[in-house]
PDB file of N, CA and C in Angstrom:
ATOM      1  N   MET A   1       8.637  -6.636 -17.757  1.00  0.00           N
ATOM      2  CA  MET A   1       8.975  -5.263 -18.056  1.00  0.00           C
ATOM      3  C   MET A   1       7.742  -4.386 -17.885  1.00  0.00           C
ATOM      4  N   THR A   2       7.879  -3.307 -17.178  1.00  0.00           N
ATOM      5  CA  THR A   2       6.776  -2.393 -16.906  1.00  0.00           C
ATOM      6  C   THR A   2       6.743  -1.298 -17.954  1.00  0.00           C
ATOM      7  N   SER A   3       5.531  -0.959 -18.395  1.00  0.00           N
ATOM      8  CA  SER A   3       5.370   0.163 -19.313  1.00  0.00           C
ATOM      9  C   SER A   3       4.434   1.180 -18.673  1.00  0.00           C
ATOM     10  N   ILE A   4       4.531   2.409 -19.110  1.00  0.00           N
ATOM     11  CA  ILE A   4       3.670   3.475 -18.590  1.00  0.00           C
ATOM     12  C   ILE A   4       2.204   3.122 -18.827  1.00  0.00           C
ATOM     13  N   ALA A   5       1.890   2.476 -19.946  1.00  0.00           N
ATOM     14  CA  ALA A   5       0.504   2.128 -20.276  1.00  0.00           C
ATOM     15  C   ALA A   5      -0.110   1.158 -19.274  1.00  0.00           C
ATOM     16  N   SER A   6       0.707   0.383 -18.569  1.00  0.00           N
ATOM     17  CA  SER A   6       0.166  -0.573 -17.600  1.00  0.00           C
ATOM     18  C   SER A   6      -0.237   0.089 -16.283  1.00  0.00           C
ATOM     19  N   LEU A   7       0.135   1.348 -16.080  1.00  0.00           N
ATOM     20  CA  LEU A   7      -0.207   2.067 -14.848  1.00  0.00           C
ATOM     21  C   LEU A   7      -1.607   2.669 -15.015  1.00  0.00           C
ATOM     22  N   ARG A   8      -2.624   1.840 -14.880  1.00  0.00           N
ATOM     23  CA  ARG A   8      -3.987   2.258 -15.202  1.00  0.00           C
ATOM     24  C   ARG A   8      -4.905   2.432 -14.000  1.00  0.00           C
ATOM     25  N   HIS A   9      -4.413   2.172 -12.791  1.00  0.00           N
ATOM     26  CA  HIS A   9      -5.227   2.356 -11.589  1.00  0.00           C
ATOM     27  C   HIS A   9      -4.837   3.661 -10.914  1.00  0.00           C
ATOM     28  N   ARG A  10      -5.819   4.470 -10.587  1.00  0.00           N
ATOM     29  CA  ARG A  10      -5.554   5.744  -9.912  1.00  0.00           C
ATOM     30  C   ARG A  10      -5.697   5.524  -8.403  1.00  0.00           C
ATOM     31  N   LEU A  11      -4.566   5.480  -7.717  1.00  0.00           N
ATOM     32  CA  LEU A  11      -4.524   5.248  -6.275  1.00  0.00           C
ATOM     33  C   LEU A  11      -4.293   6.554  -5.538  1.00  0.00           C
ATOM     34  N   THR A  12      -4.711   6.593  -4.296  1.00  0.00           N
ATOM     35  CA  THR A  12      -4.403   7.716  -3.421  1.00  0.00           C
ATOM     36  C   THR A  12      -3.293   7.262  -2.484  1.00  0.00           C
ATOM     37  N   LEU A  13      -2.233   8.038  -2.416  1.00  0.00           N
ATOM     38  CA  LEU A  13      -1.153   7.763  -1.483  1.00  0.00           C
ATOM     39  C   LEU A  13      -1.486   8.460  -0.170  1.00  0.00           C
ATOM     40  N   GLU A  14      -1.421   7.730   0.938  1.00  0.00           N
ATOM     41  CA  GLU A  14      -1.771   8.288   2.238  1.00  0.00           C
ATOM     42  C   GLU A  14      -0.617   8.130   3.223  1.00  0.00           C
ATOM     43  N   ALA A  15      -0.498   9.109   4.120  1.00  0.00           N
ATOM     44  CA  ALA A  15       0.522   9.083   5.172  1.00  0.00           C
ATOM     45  C   ALA A  15      -0.185   9.138   6.526  1.00  0.00           C
ATOM     46  N   PRO A  16       0.376   8.459   7.533  1.00  0.00           N
ATOM     47  CA  PRO A  16      -0.252   8.471   8.853  1.00  0.00           C
ATOM     48  C   PRO A  16       0.037   9.777   9.598  1.00  0.00           C
ATOM     49  N   GLU A  17      -0.943  10.199  10.375  1.00  0.00           N
ATOM     50  CA  GLU A  17      -0.781  11.330  11.291  1.00  0.00           C
ATOM     51  C   GLU A  17      -1.229  10.854  12.653  1.00  0.00           C
ATOM     52  N   GLU A  18      -0.353  10.976  13.635  1.00  0.00           N
ATOM     53  CA  GLU A  18      -0.669  10.504  14.978  1.00  0.00           C
ATOM     54  C   GLU A  18      -0.781  11.687  15.925  1.00  0.00           C
ATOM     55  N   THR A  19      -1.862  11.696  16.709  1.00  0.00           N
ATOM     56  CA  THR A  19      -2.066  12.734  17.713  1.00  0.00           C
ATOM     57  C   THR A  19      -2.283  12.054  19.059  1.00  0.00           C
ATOM     58  N   PRO A  20      -1.787  12.658  20.135  1.00  0.00           N
ATOM     59  CA  PRO A  20      -1.967  12.066  21.462  1.00  0.00           C
ATOM     60  C   PRO A  20      -3.451  11.939  21.810  1.00  0.00           C
ATOM     61  N   ASP A  21      -3.800  10.825  22.477  1.00  0.00           N
ATOM     62  CA  ASP A  21      -5.204  10.621  22.853  1.00  0.00           C
ATOM     63  C   ASP A  21      -5.495  11.045  24.290  1.00  0.00           C
ATOM     64  N   GLY A  22      -4.495  11.559  25.000  1.00  0.00           N
ATOM     65  CA  GLY A  22      -4.693  12.023  26.367  1.00  0.00           C
ATOM     66  C   GLY A  22      -4.560  10.935  27.413  1.00  0.00           C
ATOM     67  N   ALA A  23      -4.409   9.689  26.986  1.00  0.00           N
ATOM     68  CA  ALA A  23      -4.286   8.581  27.929  1.00  0.00           C
ATOM     69  C   ALA A  23      -2.961   7.844  27.722  1.00  0.00           C
ATOM     70  N   GLY A  24      -1.992   8.498  27.097  1.00  0.00           N
ATOM     71  CA  GLY A  24      -0.695   7.883  26.876  1.00  0.00           C
ATOM     72  C   GLY A  24      -0.551   7.192  25.540  1.00  0.00           C
ATOM     73  N   GLY A  25      -1.596   7.120  24.765  1.00  0.00           N
ATOM     74  CA  GLY A  25      -1.554   6.487  23.443  1.00  0.00           C
ATOM     75  C   GLY A  25      -1.699   7.529  22.351  1.00  0.00           C
ATOM     76  N   VAL A  26      -1.954   7.054  21.161  1.00  0.00           N
ATOM     77  CA  VAL A  26      -2.145   7.951  20.026  1.00  0.00           C
ATOM     78  C   VAL A  26      -3.357   7.531  19.211  1.00  0.00           C
ATOM     79  N   VAL A  27      -3.891   8.487  18.471  1.00  0.00           N
ATOM     80  CA  VAL A  27      -4.963   8.228  17.520  1.00  0.00           C
ATOM     81  C   VAL A  27      -4.357   8.434  16.140  1.00  0.00           C
ATOM     82  N   ARG A  28      -4.451   7.422  15.295  1.00  0.00           N
ATOM     83  CA  ARG A  28      -3.880   7.501  13.946  1.00  0.00           C
ATOM     84  C   ARG A  28      -4.978   7.834  12.947  1.00  0.00           C
ATOM     85  N   THR A  29      -4.722   8.858  12.160  1.00  0.00           N
ATOM     86  CA  THR A  29      -5.585   9.201  11.034  1.00  0.00           C
ATOM     87  C   THR A  29      -4.707   9.205   9.784  1.00  0.00           C
ATOM     88  N   TRP A  30      -5.331   9.183   8.633  1.00  0.00           N
ATOM     89  CA  TRP A  30      -4.585   9.117   7.379  1.00  0.00           C
ATOM     90  C   TRP A  30      -4.845  10.370   6.560  1.00  0.00           C
ATOM     91  N   THR A  31      -3.771  10.960   6.038  1.00  0.00           N
ATOM     92  CA  THR A  31      -3.839  12.168   5.239  1.00  0.00           C
ATOM     93  C   THR A  31      -3.467  11.840   3.806  1.00  0.00           C
ATOM     94  N   SER A  32      -4.258  12.328   2.873  1.00  0.00           N
ATOM     95  CA  SER A  32      -3.984  12.095   1.456  1.00  0.00           C
ATOM     96  C   SER A  32      -2.808  12.955   1.003  1.00  0.00           C
ATOM     97  N   LEU A  33      -1.873  12.317   0.288  1.00  0.00           N
ATOM     98  CA  LEU A  33      -0.734  13.033  -0.281  1.00  0.00           C
ATOM     99  C   LEU A  33      -0.919  13.270  -1.778  1.00  0.00           C
ATOM    100  N   GLY A  34      -2.024  12.789  -2.315  1.00  0.00           N
ATOM    101  CA  GLY A  34      -2.297  12.985  -3.732  1.00  0.00           C
ATOM    102  C   GLY A  34      -2.543  11.674  -4.458  1.00  0.00           C
ATOM    103  N   ALA A  35      -2.923  11.821  -5.711  1.00  0.00           N
ATOM    104  CA  ALA A  35      -3.239  10.659  -6.545  1.00  0.00           C
ATOM    105  C   ALA A  35      -2.009  10.261  -7.362  1.00  0.00           C
ATOM    106  N   ILE A  36      -1.863   8.959  -7.564  1.00  0.00           N
ATOM    107  CA  ILE A  36      -0.789   8.424  -8.402  1.00  0.00           C
ATOM    108  C   ILE A  36      -1.386   7.356  -9.311  1.00  0.00           C
ATOM    109  N   TRP A  37      -0.735   7.134 -10.431  1.00  0.00           N
ATOM    110  CA  TRP A  37      -1.135   6.069 -11.345  1.00  0.00           C
ATOM    111  C   TRP A  37      -0.246   4.866 -11.091  1.00  0.00           C
ATOM    112  N   ALA A  38      -0.856   3.687 -11.004  1.00  0.00           N
ATOM    113  CA  ALA A  38      -0.100   2.476 -10.684  1.00  0.00           C
ATOM    114  C   ALA A  38      -0.739   1.257 -11.335  1.00  0.00           C
ATOM    115  N   ALA A  39       0.035   0.189 -11.383  1.00  0.00           N
ATOM    116  CA  ALA A  39      -0.470  -1.123 -11.805  1.00  0.00           C
ATOM    117  C   ALA A  39      -0.610  -1.963 -10.548  1.00  0.00           C
ATOM    118  N   ILE A  40      -1.719  -2.677 -10.443  1.00  0.00           N
ATOM    119  CA  ILE A  40      -1.941  -3.571  -9.297  1.00  0.00           C
ATOM    120  C   ILE A  40      -2.174  -4.966  -9.836  1.00  0.00           C
ATOM    121  N   GLU A  41      -1.453  -5.927  -9.258  1.00  0.00           N
ATOM    122  CA  GLU A  41      -1.683  -7.315  -9.634  1.00  0.00           C
ATOM    123  C   GLU A  41      -1.644  -8.188  -8.383  1.00  0.00           C
ATOM    124  N   PRO A  42      -2.557  -9.158  -8.277  1.00  0.00           N
ATOM    125  CA  PRO A  42      -2.551 -10.052  -7.117  1.00  0.00           C
ATOM    126  C   PRO A  42      -1.264 -10.868  -7.090  1.00  0.00           C
ATOM    127  N   ALA A  43      -0.733 -11.087  -5.895  1.00  0.00           N
ATOM    128  CA  ALA A  43       0.488 -11.881  -5.754  1.00  0.00           C
ATOM    129  C   ALA A  43       0.198 -13.203  -5.061  1.00  0.00           C
ATOM    130  N   SER A  44      -0.556 -13.171  -3.956  1.00  0.00           N
ATOM    131  CA  SER A  44      -0.888 -14.407  -3.254  1.00  0.00           C
ATOM    132  C   SER A  44      -2.071 -14.181  -2.333  1.00  0.00           C
ATOM    133  N   ALA A  45      -2.615 -15.277  -1.860  1.00  0.00           N
ATOM    134  CA  ALA A  45      -3.717 -15.217  -0.898  1.00  0.00           C
ATOM    135  C   ALA A  45      -3.557 -16.378   0.066  1.00  0.00           C
ATOM    136  N   SER A  46      -3.890 -16.136   1.313  1.00  0.00           N
ATOM    137  CA  SER A  46      -3.843 -17.190   2.325  1.00  0.00           C
ATOM    138  C   SER A  46      -4.883 -16.874   3.380  1.00  0.00           C
ATOM    139  N   GLU A  47      -5.113 -17.837   4.237  1.00  0.00           N
ATOM    140  CA  GLU A  47      -6.037 -17.579   5.338  1.00  0.00           C
ATOM    141  C   GLU A  47      -5.496 -18.220   6.601  1.00  0.00           C
ATOM    142  N   ALA A  48      -5.917 -17.662   7.711  1.00  0.00           N
ATOM    143  CA  ALA A  48      -5.494 -18.163   9.018  1.00  0.00           C
ATOM    144  C   ALA A  48      -6.674 -18.066   9.966  1.00  0.00           C
ATOM    145  N   VAL A  49      -6.574 -18.790  11.057  1.00  0.00           N
ATOM    146  CA  VAL A  49      -7.596 -18.702  12.092  1.00  0.00           C
ATOM    147  C   VAL A  49      -6.984 -17.949  13.268  1.00  0.00           C
ATOM    148  N   ILE A  50      -7.558 -16.794  13.561  1.00  0.00           N
ATOM    149  CA  ILE A  50      -7.089 -15.956  14.664  1.00  0.00           C
ATOM    150  C   ILE A  50      -8.280 -15.683  15.564  1.00  0.00           C
ATOM    151  N   ALA A  51      -8.153 -16.059  16.830  1.00  0.00           N
ATOM    152  CA  ALA A  51      -9.222 -15.866  17.814  1.00  0.00           C
ATOM    153  C   ALA A  51     -10.525 -16.490  17.319  1.00  0.00           C
ATOM    154  N   ASP A  52     -10.440 -17.725  16.828  1.00  0.00           N
ATOM    155  CA  ASP A  52     -11.595 -18.486  16.330  1.00  0.00           C
ATOM    156  C   ASP A  52     -12.297 -17.821  15.159  1.00  0.00           C
ATOM    157  N   ARG A  53     -11.574 -16.985  14.408  1.00  0.00           N
ATOM    158  CA  ARG A  53     -12.118 -16.342  13.214  1.00  0.00           C
ATOM    159  C   ARG A  53     -11.215 -16.636  12.039  1.00  0.00           C
ATOM    160  N   ARG A  54     -11.803 -16.916  10.891  1.00  0.00           N
ATOM    161  CA  ARG A  54     -11.010 -17.070   9.678  1.00  0.00           C
ATOM    162  C   ARG A  54     -10.687 -15.689   9.140  1.00  0.00           C
ATOM    163  N   VAL A  55      -9.402 -15.457   8.887  1.00  0.00           N
ATOM    164  CA  VAL A  55      -8.939 -14.167   8.404  1.00  0.00           C
ATOM    165  C   VAL A  55      -8.207 -14.379   7.084  1.00  0.00           C
ATOM    166  N   ALA A  56      -8.586 -13.618   6.080  1.00  0.00           N
ATOM    167  CA  ALA A  56      -7.934 -13.712   4.776  1.00  0.00           C
ATOM    168  C   ALA A  56      -6.801 -12.702   4.699  1.00  0.00           C
ATOM    169  N   ARG A  57      -5.714 -13.106   4.065  1.00  0.00           N
ATOM    170  CA  ARG A  57      -4.593 -12.201   3.829  1.00  0.00           C
ATOM    171  C   ARG A  57      -4.316 -12.243   2.333  1.00  0.00           C
ATOM    172  N   VAL A  58      -4.499 -11.115   1.699  1.00  0.00           N
ATOM    173  CA  VAL A  58      -4.301 -11.018   0.259  1.00  0.00           C
ATOM    174  C   VAL A  58      -3.146 -10.059   0.011  1.00  0.00           C
ATOM    175  N   THR A  59      -2.169 -10.491  -0.781  1.00  0.00           N
ATOM    176  CA  THR A  59      -1.060  -9.612  -1.121  1.00  0.00           C
ATOM    177  C   THR A  59      -1.122  -9.248  -2.595  1.00  0.00           C
ATOM    178  N   HIS A  60      -0.628  -8.085  -2.900  1.00  0.00           N
ATOM    179  CA  HIS A  60      -0.586  -7.581  -4.269  1.00  0.00           C
ATOM    180  C   HIS A  60       0.781  -6.966  -4.529  1.00  0.00           C
ATOM    181  N   ARG A  61       1.088  -6.796  -5.814  1.00  0.00           N
ATOM    182  CA  ARG A  61       2.238  -6.010  -6.235  1.00  0.00           C
ATOM    183  C   ARG A  61       1.702  -4.728  -6.845  1.00  0.00           C
ATOM    184  N   VAL A  62       2.183  -3.601  -6.356  1.00  0.00           N
ATOM    185  CA  VAL A  62       1.801  -2.294  -6.881  1.00  0.00           C
ATOM    186  C   VAL A  62       3.047  -1.696  -7.528  1.00  0.00           C
ATOM    187  N   THR A  63       2.947  -1.379  -8.810  1.00  0.00           N
ATOM    188  CA  THR A  63       4.060  -0.785  -9.537  1.00  0.00           C
ATOM    189  C   THR A  63       3.696   0.645  -9.891  1.00  0.00           C
ATOM    190  N   LEU A  64       4.611   1.575  -9.600  1.00  0.00           N
ATOM    191  CA  LEU A  64       4.384   2.983  -9.877  1.00  0.00           C
ATOM    192  C   LEU A  64       5.678   3.613 -10.370  1.00  0.00           C
ATOM    193  N   ARG A  65       5.574   4.812 -10.908  1.00  0.00           N
ATOM    194  CA  ARG A  65       6.783   5.519 -11.337  1.00  0.00           C
ATOM    195  C   ARG A  65       7.616   5.856 -10.114  1.00  0.00           C
ATOM    196  N   GLN A  66       8.927   5.974 -10.327  1.00  0.00           N
ATOM    197  CA  GLN A  66       9.856   6.294  -9.245  1.00  0.00           C
ATOM    198  C   GLN A  66       9.351   7.505  -8.466  1.00  0.00           C
ATOM    199  N   ARG A  67       9.415   7.416  -7.149  1.00  0.00           N
ATOM    200  CA  ARG A  67       8.940   8.490  -6.281  1.00  0.00           C
ATOM    201  C   ARG A  67       9.819   8.512  -5.046  1.00  0.00           C
ATOM    202  N   SER A  68      10.387   9.657  -4.732  1.00  0.00           N
ATOM    203  CA  SER A  68      11.233   9.746  -3.544  1.00  0.00           C
ATOM    204  C   SER A  68      10.352   9.933  -2.309  1.00  0.00           C
ATOM    205  N   GLY A  69      10.848   9.490  -1.177  1.00  0.00           N
ATOM    206  CA  GLY A  69      10.151   9.693   0.087  1.00  0.00           C
ATOM    207  C   GLY A  69       9.114   8.645   0.436  1.00  0.00           C
ATOM    208  N   LEU A  70       8.879   7.676  -0.423  1.00  0.00           N
ATOM    209  CA  LEU A  70       7.903   6.619  -0.130  1.00  0.00           C
ATOM    210  C   LEU A  70       8.504   5.662   0.898  1.00  0.00           C
ATOM    211  N   THR A  71       7.761   5.398   1.984  1.00  0.00           N
ATOM    212  CA  THR A  71       8.257   4.520   3.049  1.00  0.00           C
ATOM    213  C   THR A  71       7.224   3.450   3.376  1.00  0.00           C
ATOM    214  N   LEU A  72       7.608   2.544   4.263  1.00  0.00           N
ATOM    215  CA  LEU A  72       6.700   1.485   4.703  1.00  0.00           C
ATOM    216  C   LEU A  72       5.580   2.025   5.585  1.00  0.00           C
ATOM    217  N   ASN A  73       5.679   3.275   6.018  1.00  0.00           N
ATOM    218  CA  ASN A  73       4.619   3.885   6.826  1.00  0.00           C
ATOM    219  C   ASN A  73       3.446   4.355   5.985  1.00  0.00           C
ATOM    220  N   HIS A  74       3.650   4.533   4.688  1.00  0.00           N
ATOM    221  CA  HIS A  74       2.579   4.986   3.803  1.00  0.00           C
ATOM    222  C   HIS A  74       1.644   3.831   3.448  1.00  0.00           C
ATOM    223  N   ARG A  75       0.526   4.169   2.854  1.00  0.00           N
ATOM    224  CA  ARG A  75      -0.381   3.148   2.329  1.00  0.00           C
ATOM    225  C   ARG A  75      -1.064   3.698   1.084  1.00  0.00           C
ATOM    226  N   PHE A  76      -1.674   2.799   0.322  1.00  0.00           N
ATOM    227  CA  PHE A  76      -2.418   3.169  -0.877  1.00  0.00           C
ATOM    228  C   PHE A  76      -3.896   2.933  -0.629  1.00  0.00           C
ATOM    229  N   ARG A  77      -4.728   3.737  -1.278  1.00  0.00           N
ATOM    230  CA  ARG A  77      -6.180   3.563  -1.217  1.00  0.00           C
ATOM    231  C   ARG A  77      -6.711   3.505  -2.648  1.00  0.00           C
ATOM    232  N   LEU A  78      -7.607   2.560  -2.877  1.00  0.00           N
ATOM    233  CA  LEU A  78      -8.318   2.439  -4.149  1.00  0.00           C
ATOM    234  C   LEU A  78      -9.788   2.327  -3.795  1.00  0.00           C
ATOM    235  N   GLY A  79     -10.511   3.430  -3.875  1.00  0.00           N
ATOM    236  CA  GLY A  79     -11.903   3.451  -3.430  1.00  0.00           C
ATOM    237  C   GLY A  79     -11.969   3.180  -1.943  1.00  0.00           C
ATOM    238  N   GLU A  80     -12.673   2.135  -1.546  1.00  0.00           N
ATOM    239  CA  GLU A  80     -12.784   1.759  -0.131  1.00  0.00           C
ATOM    240  C   GLU A  80     -11.695   0.777   0.304  1.00  0.00           C
ATOM    241  N   ARG A  81     -10.910   0.298  -0.640  1.00  0.00           N
ATOM    242  CA  ARG A  81      -9.852  -0.676  -0.331  1.00  0.00           C
ATOM    243  C   ARG A  81      -8.575   0.049   0.088  1.00  0.00           C
ATOM    244  N   THR A  82      -7.878  -0.493   1.089  1.00  0.00           N
ATOM    245  CA  THR A  82      -6.599   0.077   1.510  1.00  0.00           C
ATOM    246  C   THR A  82      -5.524  -1.006   1.456  1.00  0.00           C
ATOM    247  N   PHE A  83      -4.307  -0.577   1.142  1.00  0.00           N
ATOM    248  CA  PHE A  83      -3.187  -1.489   0.964  1.00  0.00           C
ATOM    249  C   PHE A  83      -1.995  -0.993   1.776  1.00  0.00           C
ATOM    250  N   ALA A  84      -1.565  -1.783   2.752  1.00  0.00           N
ATOM    251  CA  ALA A  84      -0.405  -1.441   3.587  1.00  0.00           C
ATOM    252  C   ALA A  84       0.864  -1.892   2.887  1.00  0.00           C
ATOM    253  N   ILE A  85       1.852  -1.018   2.815  1.00  0.00           N
ATOM    254  CA  ILE A  85       3.115  -1.330   2.139  1.00  0.00           C
ATOM    255  C   ILE A  85       3.989  -2.177   3.059  1.00  0.00           C
ATOM    256  N   GLN A  86       4.441  -3.326   2.548  1.00  0.00           N
ATOM    257  CA  GLN A  86       5.303  -4.237   3.296  1.00  0.00           C
ATOM    258  C   GLN A  86       6.754  -4.183   2.828  1.00  0.00           C
ATOM    259  N   ALA A  87       6.976  -3.900   1.549  1.00  0.00           N
ATOM    260  CA  ALA A  87       8.328  -3.845   0.988  1.00  0.00           C
ATOM    261  C   ALA A  87       8.309  -2.960  -0.251  1.00  0.00           C
ATOM    262  N   ILE A  88       9.448  -2.292  -0.509  1.00  0.00           N
ATOM    263  CA  ILE A  88       9.596  -1.417  -1.674  1.00  0.00           C
ATOM    264  C   ILE A  88      10.923  -1.763  -2.348  1.00  0.00           C
ATOM    265  N   HIS A  89      10.893  -1.911  -3.665  1.00  0.00           N
ATOM    266  CA  HIS A  89      12.147  -2.134  -4.383  1.00  0.00           C
ATOM    267  C   HIS A  89      12.045  -1.620  -5.813  1.00  0.00           C
ATOM    268  N   ASP A  90      13.190  -1.493  -6.449  1.00  0.00           N
ATOM    269  CA  ASP A  90      13.296  -1.076  -7.844  1.00  0.00           C
ATOM    270  C   ASP A  90      13.373  -2.355  -8.682  1.00  0.00           C
ATOM    271  N   PRO A  91      12.320  -2.703  -9.430  1.00  0.00           N
ATOM    272  CA  PRO A  91      12.262  -4.014 -10.081  1.00  0.00           C
ATOM    273  C   PRO A  91      13.338  -4.260 -11.137  1.00  0.00           C
ATOM    274  N   ASP A  92      13.766  -3.229 -11.876  1.00  0.00           N
ATOM    275  CA  ASP A  92      14.791  -3.451 -12.895  1.00  0.00           C
ATOM    276  C   ASP A  92      16.084  -2.688 -12.598  1.00  0.00           C
ATOM    277  N   GLU A  93      16.162  -2.075 -11.430  1.00  0.00           N
ATOM    278  CA  GLU A  93      17.338  -1.339 -10.963  1.00  0.00           C
ATOM    279  C   GLU A  93      17.789  -0.260 -11.936  1.00  0.00           C
ATOM    280  N   ARG A  94      16.810   0.376 -12.592  1.00  0.00           N
ATOM    281  CA  ARG A  94      17.116   1.454 -13.529  1.00  0.00           C
ATOM    282  C   ARG A  94      16.593   2.796 -13.021  1.00  0.00           C
ATOM    283  N   GLY A  95      15.926   2.803 -11.858  1.00  0.00           N
ATOM    284  CA  GLY A  95      15.445   4.045 -11.280  1.00  0.00           C
ATOM    285  C   GLY A  95      14.242   4.657 -11.965  1.00  0.00           C
ATOM    286  N   ARG A  96      13.512   3.849 -12.733  1.00  0.00           N
ATOM    287  CA  ARG A  96      12.327   4.361 -13.433  1.00  0.00           C
ATOM    288  C   ARG A  96      11.038   4.040 -12.700  1.00  0.00           C
ATOM    289  N   PHE A  97      10.975   2.875 -12.069  1.00  0.00           N
ATOM    290  CA  PHE A  97       9.766   2.418 -11.402  1.00  0.00           C
ATOM    291  C   PHE A  97      10.079   1.933  -9.997  1.00  0.00           C
ATOM    292  N   LEU A  98       9.042   1.877  -9.175  1.00  0.00           N
ATOM    293  CA  LEU A  98       9.111   1.232  -7.865  1.00  0.00           C
ATOM    294  C   LEU A  98       8.073   0.139  -7.841  1.00  0.00           C
ATOM    295  N   GLN A  99       8.368  -0.950  -7.174  1.00  0.00           N
ATOM    296  CA  GLN A  99       7.398  -2.016  -6.979  1.00  0.00           C
ATOM    297  C   GLN A  99       7.246  -2.213  -5.484  1.00  0.00           C
ATOM    298  N   CYS A 100       5.983  -2.192  -5.033  1.00  0.00           N
ATOM    299  CA  CYS A 100       5.684  -2.355  -3.605  1.00  0.00           C
ATOM    300  C   CYS A 100       4.913  -3.657  -3.417  1.00  0.00           C
ATOM    301  N   LEU A 101       5.342  -4.437  -2.457  1.00  0.00           N
ATOM    302  CA  LEU A 101       4.569  -5.600  -2.040  1.00  0.00           C
ATOM    303  C   LEU A 101       3.651  -5.085  -0.940  1.00  0.00           C
ATOM    304  N   VAL A 102       2.346  -5.254  -1.123  1.00  0.00           N
ATOM    305  CA  VAL A 102       1.376  -4.703  -0.181  1.00  0.00           C
ATOM    306  C   VAL A 102       0.421  -5.788   0.284  1.00  0.00           C
ATOM    307  N   THR A 103      -0.161  -5.588   1.457  1.00  0.00           N
ATOM    308  CA  THR A 103      -1.238  -6.462   1.924  1.00  0.00           C
ATOM    309  C   THR A 103      -2.504  -5.629   1.980  1.00  0.00           C
ATOM    310  N   GLU A 104      -3.583  -6.231   1.530  1.00  0.00           N
ATOM    311  CA  GLU A 104      -4.861  -5.538   1.569  1.00  0.00           C
ATOM    312  C   GLU A 104      -5.393  -5.587   2.991  1.00  0.00           C
ATOM    313  N   GLU A 105      -5.716  -4.429   3.529  1.00  0.00           N
ATOM    314  CA  GLU A 105      -6.245  -4.355   4.892  1.00  0.00           C
ATOM    315  C   GLU A 105      -7.746  -4.597   4.839  1.00  0.00           C
ATOM    316  N   ARG A 106      -8.189  -5.556   5.594  1.00  0.00           N
ATOM    317  CA  ARG A 106      -9.613  -5.890   5.629  1.00  0.00           C
ATOM    318  C   ARG A 106     -10.208  -5.402   6.938  1.00  0.00           C
ATOM    319  N   PRO A 107     -11.398  -4.793   6.892  1.00  0.00           N
ATOM    320  CA  PRO A 107     -12.023  -4.333   8.154  1.00  0.00           C
ATOM    321  C   PRO A 107     -12.446  -5.479   9.048  1.00  0.00           C
TER     322      PRO A 107
END
């Protein structure tokens, strides 16, 4: 059960903005939509070898108050850390909170 008191991390919600790069592609930048309070908890961690490099994949659950318009295109930022949204659902189906399964993006 989620309580308001557990939403103790101040995250920035960001949306992508794409502009043409002049060569048929796009350049993606991120625009801040404002700060939100959320709970973050680790969900799992794994690693893989891609192109002879070990790559870590860390997933978290981010719980926040109900918010309309949140999509899988958005992401969260906590300081220098960024979290890509993979799934969104209502954990207790009461319309009070949203829970997002996110992966931490590593540079």
